[in-house]
Amino acid sequence: MKLLSKLLIIPAFILPLCFAAPVSADAKSDYEYQYSQYQEHYLEYTLLKKDYLDNPTLDNQQKAVLAAKDSLYARDLAKASYAEYLLNLIAASKVSYTPINPLIESLTAAKNYFSNEALKSQSIVTAADLKNFSADYVVNSPAYDRSFRTGVVAYKIAKLVRFQIDLKDSLDIILPKLATPFSSALQNRIDELQSKGNDINSQIETFTNDLYTEEGVQEIDNENFFSERSETIKKIQSLQIKWIDSLIDIDLNYAHS
């Protein structure tokens, strides 16, 4: 049951509830519940597996098989609920950003796949059934597991895009408050601000499109997948903060009440 033990473990990047954003309480609580169920069933499986290895009777084998069945069911429900949780987080950003649509579609496909796998696991009765189920799973599941990694990045991208929209809205609010006609100095600052905003939009688009390149796809399973992309996200966020500072400066020095 060595292979099964590996298959029963949920990838570490799925575990943390590390997102601070408005999101459906149902989606979050469902994920938390399903993951807690998985933890309980997995613990029971490890204990019964040990009993079987220590005393390999048919009765102990069947107990371990049924415990594995319950663990598989809980694991795949946890994964399906995690996909739904990510989808809710992205939707909460309230952006319509075409470049991340394939990532959203992959998450939706993962949710459906793991939901179906949870149902399929309930047909397991014997050790042979368990072996066949696991053999199919090890071939088909990795592609869907990868969607969680890209789904987390999609959520971060959605937040960047949401911030860009809010910044543009702030500029549109301030512009009518500025005394006209604009001085050359003020016009230059506005033009520079708009140009920097467009540059940030381009960087977000390039960052997103890089996920679909051959090199980007190959990097999804890398250990440093998140750390490398986090660095790029931080750089873009830094540019957004500088953009805000410039906008505030214009508001303080040029706007009238």
Protein backbone atom coordinates (compact mmCIF):
# COMPACT_ATOMS: atom_id res chain seq x y z
CA MET A 1 0.00 0.00 0.00
CA LYS A 2 2.99 2.33 -0.43
CA LEU A 3 1.62 3.94 -3.60
CA LEU A 4 -1.76 4.39 -2.00
CA SER A 5 -0.21 6.11 1.00
CA LYS A 6 1.31 8.69 -1.34
CA LEU A 7 -1.94 9.14 -3.26
CA LEU A 8 -3.89 9.74 -0.08
CA ILE A 9 -1.76 12.74 0.87
CA ILE A 10 -3.12 16.11 -0.26
CA PRO A 11 -0.39 18.34 -1.80
CA ALA A 12 0.97 20.77 0.78
CA PHE A 13 0.12 23.90 -1.23
CA ILE A 14 -3.57 23.07 -0.92
CA LEU A 15 -3.62 22.99 2.86
CA PRO A 16 -3.34 26.57 4.11
CA LEU A 17 -6.32 28.90 4.18
CA CYS A 18 -3.99 31.79 3.51
CA PHE A 19 -6.30 34.13 1.65
CA ALA A 20 -7.59 37.31 3.21
CA ALA A 21 -10.43 38.38 0.92
CA PRO A 22 -14.21 38.66 0.94
CA VAL A 23 -15.45 35.27 -0.15
CA SER A 24 -18.50 33.12 0.23
CA ALA A 25 -18.61 31.88 3.82
CA ASP A 26 -20.14 28.66 2.51
CA ALA A 27 -17.20 28.00 0.17
CA LYS A 28 -14.64 28.58 2.90
CA SER A 29 -16.48 26.66 5.60
CA ASP A 30 -17.15 23.75 3.23
CA TYR A 31 -13.45 23.50 2.41
CA GLU A 32 -12.52 23.64 6.09
CA TYR A 33 -15.07 20.93 6.89
CA GLN A 34 -14.05 18.65 4.03
CA TYR A 35 -10.39 19.00 4.87
CA SER A 36 -11.04 18.17 8.54
CA GLN A 37 -12.95 15.08 7.38
CA TYR A 38 -10.01 14.07 5.26
CA GLN A 39 -7.64 14.44 8.22
CA GLU A 40 -9.84 12.22 10.39
CA HIS A 41 -10.22 9.48 7.78
CA TYR A 42 -6.55 9.56 6.82
CA LEU A 43 -5.53 9.12 10.45
CA GLU A 44 -7.88 6.16 10.78
CA TYR A 45 -6.46 4.65 7.59
CA THR A 46 -2.85 4.94 8.83
CA LEU A 47 -3.78 3.15 12.06
CA LEU A 48 -5.64 0.33 10.29
CA LYS A 49 -2.90 0.01 7.71
CA LYS A 50 -0.39 -0.46 10.53
CA ASP A 51 -2.63 -3.12 12.05
CA TYR A 52 -2.70 -4.92 8.71
CA LEU A 53 1.08 -4.72 8.24
CA ASP A 54 1.64 -5.96 11.79
CA ASN A 55 -0.95 -8.72 11.43
CA PRO A 56 -1.76 -9.33 7.72
CA THR A 57 -5.05 -11.19 8.07
CA LEU A 58 -7.86 -10.92 5.53
CA ASP A 59 -10.01 -9.19 8.11
CA ASN A 60 -7.37 -6.56 8.78
CA GLN A 61 -6.80 -6.13 5.06
CA GLN A 62 -10.50 -5.48 4.47
CA LYS A 63 -10.61 -2.97 7.30
CA ALA A 64 -7.64 -1.13 5.77
CA VAL A 65 -9.26 -1.20 2.33
CA LEU A 66 -12.50 0.28 3.62
CA ALA A 67 -10.59 2.93 5.58
CA ALA A 68 -8.66 3.77 2.41
CA LYS A 69 -11.95 4.03 0.55
CA ASP A 70 -13.25 6.56 3.09
CA SER A 71 -9.98 8.49 2.90
CA LEU A 72 -10.10 8.63 -0.89
CA TYR A 73 -13.66 9.90 -0.76
CA ALA A 74 -12.76 12.59 1.79
CA ARG A 75 -9.58 13.55 -0.05
CA ASP A 76 -11.34 14.13 -3.36
CA LEU A 77 -14.19 16.04 -1.76
CA ALA A 78 -11.58 18.24 -0.06
CA LYS A 79 -9.90 18.87 -3.41
CA ALA A 80 -13.21 19.62 -5.10
CA SER A 81 -14.15 22.06 -2.34
CA TYR A 82 -10.71 23.69 -2.58
CA ALA A 83 -11.29 24.30 -6.29
CA GLU A 84 -14.67 25.84 -5.48
CA TYR A 85 -13.03 27.99 -2.81
CA LEU A 86 -10.47 29.34 -5.29
CA LEU A 87 -13.20 29.98 -7.85
CA ASN A 88 -15.12 31.97 -5.24
CA LEU A 89 -12.03 34.00 -4.37
CA ILE A 90 -11.47 34.88 -8.01
CA ALA A 91 -15.14 35.78 -8.48
CA ALA A 92 -15.01 37.99 -5.37
CA SER A 93 -12.46 40.19 -7.16
CA LYS A 94 -15.27 41.13 -9.56
CA VAL A 95 -13.09 41.38 -12.63
CA SER A 96 -13.63 40.14 -16.15
CA TYR A 97 -10.09 39.50 -17.32
CA THR A 98 -9.94 37.30 -20.41
CA PRO A 99 -6.29 36.15 -20.02
CA ILE A 100 -7.10 34.18 -16.84
CA ASN A 101 -10.19 32.46 -18.28
CA PRO A 102 -8.27 29.26 -19.19
CA LEU A 103 -7.04 29.04 -15.57
CA ILE A 104 -10.59 29.43 -14.30
CA GLU A 105 -11.78 26.75 -16.73
CA SER A 106 -9.04 24.42 -15.47
CA LEU A 107 -10.19 24.95 -11.89
CA THR A 108 -13.77 24.21 -12.87
CA ALA A 109 -12.65 21.03 -14.63
CA ALA A 110 -10.68 20.02 -11.51
CA LYS A 111 -13.70 20.58 -9.30
CA ASN A 112 -15.80 18.34 -11.55
CA TYR A 113 -13.08 15.69 -11.85
CA PHE A 114 -12.48 15.33 -8.11
CA SER A 115 -16.21 15.37 -7.38
CA ASN A 116 -16.64 12.49 -9.82
CA GLU A 117 -13.63 10.65 -8.39
CA ALA A 118 -15.14 10.90 -4.92
CA LEU A 119 -18.28 9.20 -6.22
CA LYS A 120 -16.25 6.56 -8.10
CA SER A 121 -14.32 5.68 -4.96
CA GLN A 122 -17.53 4.48 -3.34
CA SER A 123 -17.57 1.46 -5.64
CA ILE A 124 -14.37 0.14 -4.02
CA VAL A 125 -15.00 -3.12 -2.17
CA THR A 126 -11.89 -5.25 -2.53
CA ALA A 127 -8.14 -4.69 -2.54
CA ALA A 128 -8.21 -5.26 -6.31
CA ASP A 129 -10.79 -2.48 -6.71
CA LEU A 130 -8.57 -0.19 -4.67
CA LYS A 131 -5.54 -1.02 -6.80
CA ASN A 132 -7.39 -0.34 -10.07
CA PHE A 133 -8.84 2.93 -8.79
CA SER A 134 -5.41 4.12 -7.64
CA ALA A 135 -3.76 3.12 -10.93
CA ASP A 136 -6.20 5.25 -12.92
CA TYR A 137 -5.92 8.11 -10.46
CA VAL A 138 -2.14 8.32 -10.59
CA VAL A 139 -2.34 8.71 -14.37
CA ASN A 140 -5.22 11.19 -14.61
CA SER A 141 -5.09 13.35 -11.48
CA PRO A 142 -1.77 15.27 -11.85
CA ALA A 143 -3.13 17.58 -14.55
CA TYR A 144 -6.04 18.53 -12.32
CA ASP A 145 -3.77 18.98 -9.29
CA ARG A 146 -1.73 21.48 -11.32
CA SER A 147 -4.82 23.63 -11.77
CA PHE A 148 -4.68 24.42 -8.05
CA ARG A 149 -1.23 25.95 -8.47
CA THR A 150 -2.25 28.05 -11.46
CA GLY A 151 -5.57 28.80 -9.76
CA VAL A 152 -3.79 30.43 -6.81
CA VAL A 153 -1.83 32.58 -9.27
CA ALA A 154 -5.05 33.41 -11.14
CA TYR A 155 -6.50 34.74 -7.89
CA LYS A 156 -3.42 36.92 -7.35
CA ILE A 157 -3.72 38.20 -10.93
CA ALA A 158 -7.39 39.00 -10.41
CA LYS A 159 -6.44 41.07 -7.36
CA LEU A 160 -3.84 42.99 -9.38
CA VAL A 161 -6.38 43.69 -12.11
CA ARG A 162 -9.00 44.75 -9.56
CA PHE A 163 -6.48 47.21 -8.10
CA GLN A 164 -5.76 48.62 -11.55
CA ILE A 165 -9.46 49.20 -12.13
CA ASP A 166 -9.79 50.95 -8.78
CA LEU A 167 -6.77 53.14 -9.53
CA LYS A 168 -8.20 54.16 -12.89
CA ASP A 169 -11.52 54.98 -11.22
CA SER A 170 -9.67 57.15 -8.65
CA LEU A 171 -7.94 59.09 -11.41
CA ASP A 172 -11.27 59.63 -13.17
CA ILE A 173 -12.70 61.06 -9.94
CA ILE A 174 -9.78 63.44 -9.43
CA LEU A 175 -9.48 64.76 -13.00
CA PRO A 176 -12.70 66.87 -12.88
CA LYS A 177 -11.46 68.45 -9.64
CA LEU A 178 -8.32 69.82 -11.30
CA ALA A 179 -8.25 73.46 -12.31
CA THR A 180 -8.42 74.01 -16.05
CA PRO A 181 -6.76 74.68 -18.33
CA PHE A 182 -4.05 72.30 -17.12
CA SER A 183 -0.59 73.74 -16.78
CA SER A 184 2.15 72.07 -18.79
CA ALA A 185 3.61 70.63 -15.60
CA LEU A 186 0.26 69.15 -14.53
CA GLN A 187 -0.50 67.77 -18.00
CA ASN A 188 2.89 66.11 -18.08
CA ARG A 189 2.24 64.48 -14.70
CA ILE A 190 -1.18 63.23 -15.81
CA ASP A 191 0.27 61.85 -19.05
CA GLU A 192 3.06 60.18 -17.09
CA LEU A 193 0.56 58.66 -14.65
CA GLN A 194 -1.60 57.28 -17.45
CA SER A 195 1.47 55.93 -19.23
CA LYS A 196 2.67 54.16 -16.06
CA GLY A 197 -0.81 52.73 -15.58
CA ASN A 198 -0.69 51.27 -19.09
CA ASP A 199 2.79 49.89 -18.41
CA ILE A 200 1.49 48.11 -15.29
CA ASN A 201 -1.40 46.67 -17.31
CA SER A 202 1.11 45.36 -19.85
CA GLN A 203 3.23 43.77 -17.13
CA ILE A 204 0.18 42.00 -15.67
CA GLU A 205 -0.76 40.72 -19.13
CA THR A 206 2.78 39.53 -19.86
CA PHE A 207 2.97 37.84 -16.46
CA THR A 208 -0.32 36.05 -17.15
CA ASN A 209 0.56 35.01 -20.69
CA ASP A 210 3.90 33.58 -19.50
CA LEU A 211 1.91 30.92 -17.62
CA TYR A 212 0.79 29.50 -20.98
CA THR A 213 4.21 29.32 -22.64
CA GLU A 214 5.97 25.97 -22.95
CA GLU A 215 8.48 27.04 -20.31
CA GLY A 216 5.71 28.31 -18.02
CA VAL A 217 3.81 25.03 -18.23
CA GLN A 218 6.95 23.04 -17.45
CA GLU A 219 7.57 25.15 -14.34
CA ILE A 220 4.17 24.50 -12.75
CA ASP A 221 5.44 21.45 -10.85
CA ASN A 222 8.68 23.13 -9.77
CA GLU A 223 9.30 23.69 -6.09
CA ASN A 224 9.98 27.39 -6.69
CA PHE A 225 6.88 27.95 -8.85
CA PHE A 226 5.19 30.16 -6.25
CA SER A 227 8.29 31.96 -4.99
CA GLU A 228 9.33 33.11 -8.47
CA ARG A 229 5.85 34.38 -9.30
CA SER A 230 5.48 36.01 -5.91
CA GLU A 231 8.54 38.11 -6.70
CA THR A 232 6.96 39.34 -9.93
CA ILE A 233 3.68 40.08 -8.16
CA LYS A 234 5.51 42.07 -5.48
CA LYS A 235 7.26 44.15 -8.14
CA ILE A 236 3.94 44.95 -9.81
CA GLN A 237 2.38 45.82 -6.45
CA SER A 238 5.31 48.14 -5.74
CA LEU A 239 4.63 49.96 -9.01
CA GLN A 240 0.97 50.26 -8.06
CA ILE A 241 1.88 51.83 -4.72
CA LYS A 242 4.13 54.37 -6.47
CA TRP A 243 1.26 55.11 -8.85
CA ILE A 244 -1.02 55.81 -5.86
CA ASP A 245 1.60 58.11 -4.31
CA SER A 246 1.78 60.13 -7.52
CA LEU A 247 -2.00 60.37 -7.72
CA ILE A 248 -2.21 61.55 -4.11
CA ASP A 249 0.43 64.17 -4.81
CA ILE A 250 -1.57 65.51 -7.76
CA ASP A 251 -4.72 65.55 -5.66
CA LEU A 252 -3.03 67.46 -2.82
CA ASN A 253 -1.22 69.99 -4.98
CA TYR A 254 -3.51 70.59 -7.94
CA ALA A 255 -7.09 69.64 -7.08
CA HIS A 256 -9.62 72.21 -5.87
CA SER A 257 -12.53 71.52 -3.54
